[in-house]
Amino acid sequence: MVPEGRRIFARLTVAENLEMAPTPASADLNYLPTWSAFSHCSPRLKERRTQLGGTLSGGEQQMLATGRALMAHPACS
């Protein structure tokens, strides 16, 4: 689930926000998504990697929140 309110860390960069994604204890660390894998799916955020999260547009912030959820390696059910 990605909350509609986004809840990104406004004072952290895009890359730092993605690094803050939680890692499940049961995750195989060899298969966790990486920045390079994510940036391939979201070239817009790749361009803004060093930009502060709070300065992104609303849509870009939502992409960042979604990316952080995906970086947490969610289970499919």
C-alpha atoms as a PDB file:
ATOM      1  CA  MET A   1       0.000   0.000   0.000  1.00  0.00           C
ATOM      2  CA  VAL A   2       1.233   3.474  -0.860  1.00  0.00           C
ATOM      3  CA  PRO A   3      -0.576   6.170   1.169  1.00  0.00           C
ATOM      4  CA  GLU A   4      -2.180   8.944  -0.845  1.00  0.00           C
ATOM      5  CA  GLY A   5      -0.535  11.495   1.448  1.00  0.00           C
ATOM      6  CA  ARG A   6       2.871  10.327   0.121  1.00  0.00           C
ATOM      7  CA  ARG A   7       4.757  10.843   3.406  1.00  0.00           C
ATOM      8  CA  ILE A   8       8.142  11.270   1.798  1.00  0.00           C
ATOM      9  CA  PHE A   9      11.084  12.751   3.673  1.00  0.00           C
ATOM     10  CA  ALA A  10      11.042  16.326   2.356  1.00  0.00           C
ATOM     11  CA  ARG A  11      14.577  17.180   3.541  1.00  0.00           C
ATOM     12  CA  LEU A  12      16.172  14.085   1.997  1.00  0.00           C
ATOM     13  CA  THR A  13      17.110  13.651  -1.648  1.00  0.00           C
ATOM     14  CA  VAL A  14      15.261  11.298  -3.964  1.00  0.00           C
ATOM     15  CA  ALA A  15      18.062   8.733  -3.637  1.00  0.00           C
ATOM     16  CA  GLU A  16      18.083   9.024   0.169  1.00  0.00           C
ATOM     17  CA  ASN A  17      14.301   8.579   0.294  1.00  0.00           C
ATOM     18  CA  LEU A  18      14.608   5.359  -1.692  1.00  0.00           C
ATOM     19  CA  GLU A  19      17.390   4.127   0.583  1.00  0.00           C
ATOM     20  CA  MET A  20      15.011   4.571   3.542  1.00  0.00           C
ATOM     21  CA  ALA A  21      12.745   1.792   2.262  1.00  0.00           C
ATOM     22  CA  PRO A  22      12.327  -0.881   4.915  1.00  0.00           C
ATOM     23  CA  THR A  23      13.914  -4.263   4.248  1.00  0.00           C
ATOM     24  CA  PRO A  24      11.844  -7.243   5.367  1.00  0.00           C
ATOM     25  CA  ALA A  25      13.727  -9.615   7.678  1.00  0.00           C
ATOM     26  CA  SER A  26      12.850 -12.511   5.375  1.00  0.00           C
ATOM     27  CA  ALA A  27      14.188 -10.776   2.229  1.00  0.00           C
ATOM     28  CA  ASP A  28      16.971 -12.336   0.220  1.00  0.00           C
ATOM     29  CA  LEU A  29      19.425  -9.443   0.044  1.00  0.00           C
ATOM     30  CA  ASN A  30      20.708 -10.669  -3.330  1.00  0.00           C
ATOM     31  CA  TYR A  31      17.307 -10.004  -4.903  1.00  0.00           C
ATOM     32  CA  LEU A  32      16.336  -6.672  -3.391  1.00  0.00           C
ATOM     33  CA  PRO A  33      15.711  -3.909  -5.934  1.00  0.00           C
ATOM     34  CA  THR A  34      18.564  -1.486  -6.400  1.00  0.00           C
ATOM     35  CA  TRP A  35      18.662   2.157  -7.386  1.00  0.00           C
ATOM     36  CA  SER A  36      19.762   1.222 -10.909  1.00  0.00           C
ATOM     37  CA  ALA A  37      16.856  -1.204 -11.318  1.00  0.00           C
ATOM     38  CA  PHE A  38      14.372   1.373 -10.063  1.00  0.00           C
ATOM     39  CA  SER A  39      15.777   4.242 -12.112  1.00  0.00           C
ATOM     40  CA  HIS A  40      15.254   2.176 -15.256  1.00  0.00           C
ATOM     41  CA  CYS A  41      11.513   2.114 -14.464  1.00  0.00           C
ATOM     42  CA  SER A  42      11.339   5.773 -13.504  1.00  0.00           C
ATOM     43  CA  PRO A  43      13.663   7.904 -15.627  1.00  0.00           C
ATOM     44  CA  ARG A  44      11.997  11.094 -14.323  1.00  0.00           C
ATOM     45  CA  LEU A  45      13.206  10.395 -10.778  1.00  0.00           C
ATOM     46  CA  LYS A  46      16.598   9.351 -12.117  1.00  0.00           C
ATOM     47  CA  GLU A  47      16.981  12.907 -13.441  1.00  0.00           C
ATOM     48  CA  ARG A  48      16.105  14.251 -10.002  1.00  0.00           C
ATOM     49  CA  ARG A  49      18.220  11.850  -7.946  1.00  0.00           C
ATOM     50  CA  THR A  50      19.962  14.621  -5.988  1.00  0.00           C
ATOM     51  CA  GLN A  51      16.909  16.882  -5.643  1.00  0.00           C
ATOM     52  CA  LEU A  52      15.215  17.242  -2.249  1.00  0.00           C
ATOM     53  CA  GLY A  53      11.966  15.317  -1.994  1.00  0.00           C
ATOM     54  CA  GLY A  54      10.035  18.353  -0.792  1.00  0.00           C
ATOM     55  CA  THR A  55      10.837  20.279  -3.972  1.00  0.00           C
ATOM     56  CA  LEU A  56       9.353  17.672  -6.323  1.00  0.00           C
ATOM     57  CA  SER A  57       5.951  18.186  -7.934  1.00  0.00           C
ATOM     58  CA  GLY A  58       3.013  16.307  -6.447  1.00  0.00           C
ATOM     59  CA  GLY A  59       3.132  13.650  -9.150  1.00  0.00           C
ATOM     60  CA  GLU A  60       6.868  13.189  -8.732  1.00  0.00           C
ATOM     61  CA  GLN A  61       6.400  12.855  -4.972  1.00  0.00           C
ATOM     62  CA  GLN A  62       3.816  10.140  -5.595  1.00  0.00           C
ATOM     63  CA  MET A  63       6.258   8.357  -7.928  1.00  0.00           C
ATOM     64  CA  LEU A  64       8.849   8.576  -5.160  1.00  0.00           C
ATOM     65  CA  ALA A  65       6.438   7.148  -2.577  1.00  0.00           C
ATOM     66  CA  THR A  66       5.562   4.314  -4.963  1.00  0.00           C
ATOM     67  CA  GLY A  67       9.239   3.688  -5.657  1.00  0.00           C
ATOM     68  CA  ARG A  68      10.004   3.513  -1.953  1.00  0.00           C
ATOM     69  CA  ALA A  69       7.231   0.929  -1.556  1.00  0.00           C
ATOM     70  CA  LEU A  70       8.670  -1.132  -4.422  1.00  0.00           C
ATOM     71  CA  MET A  71      12.199  -0.878  -3.007  1.00  0.00           C
ATOM     72  CA  ALA A  72      10.829  -2.522   0.153  1.00  0.00           C
ATOM     73  CA  HIS A  73      10.399  -5.704  -1.917  1.00  0.00           C
ATOM     74  CA  PRO A  74       6.679  -6.301  -1.302  1.00  0.00           C
ATOM     75  CA  ALA A  75       5.256  -9.801  -1.479  1.00  0.00           C
ATOM     76  CA  CYS A  76       2.728 -10.517  -4.211  1.00  0.00           C
ATOM     77  CA  SER A  77      -0.440 -12.227  -3.145  1.00  0.00           C
END
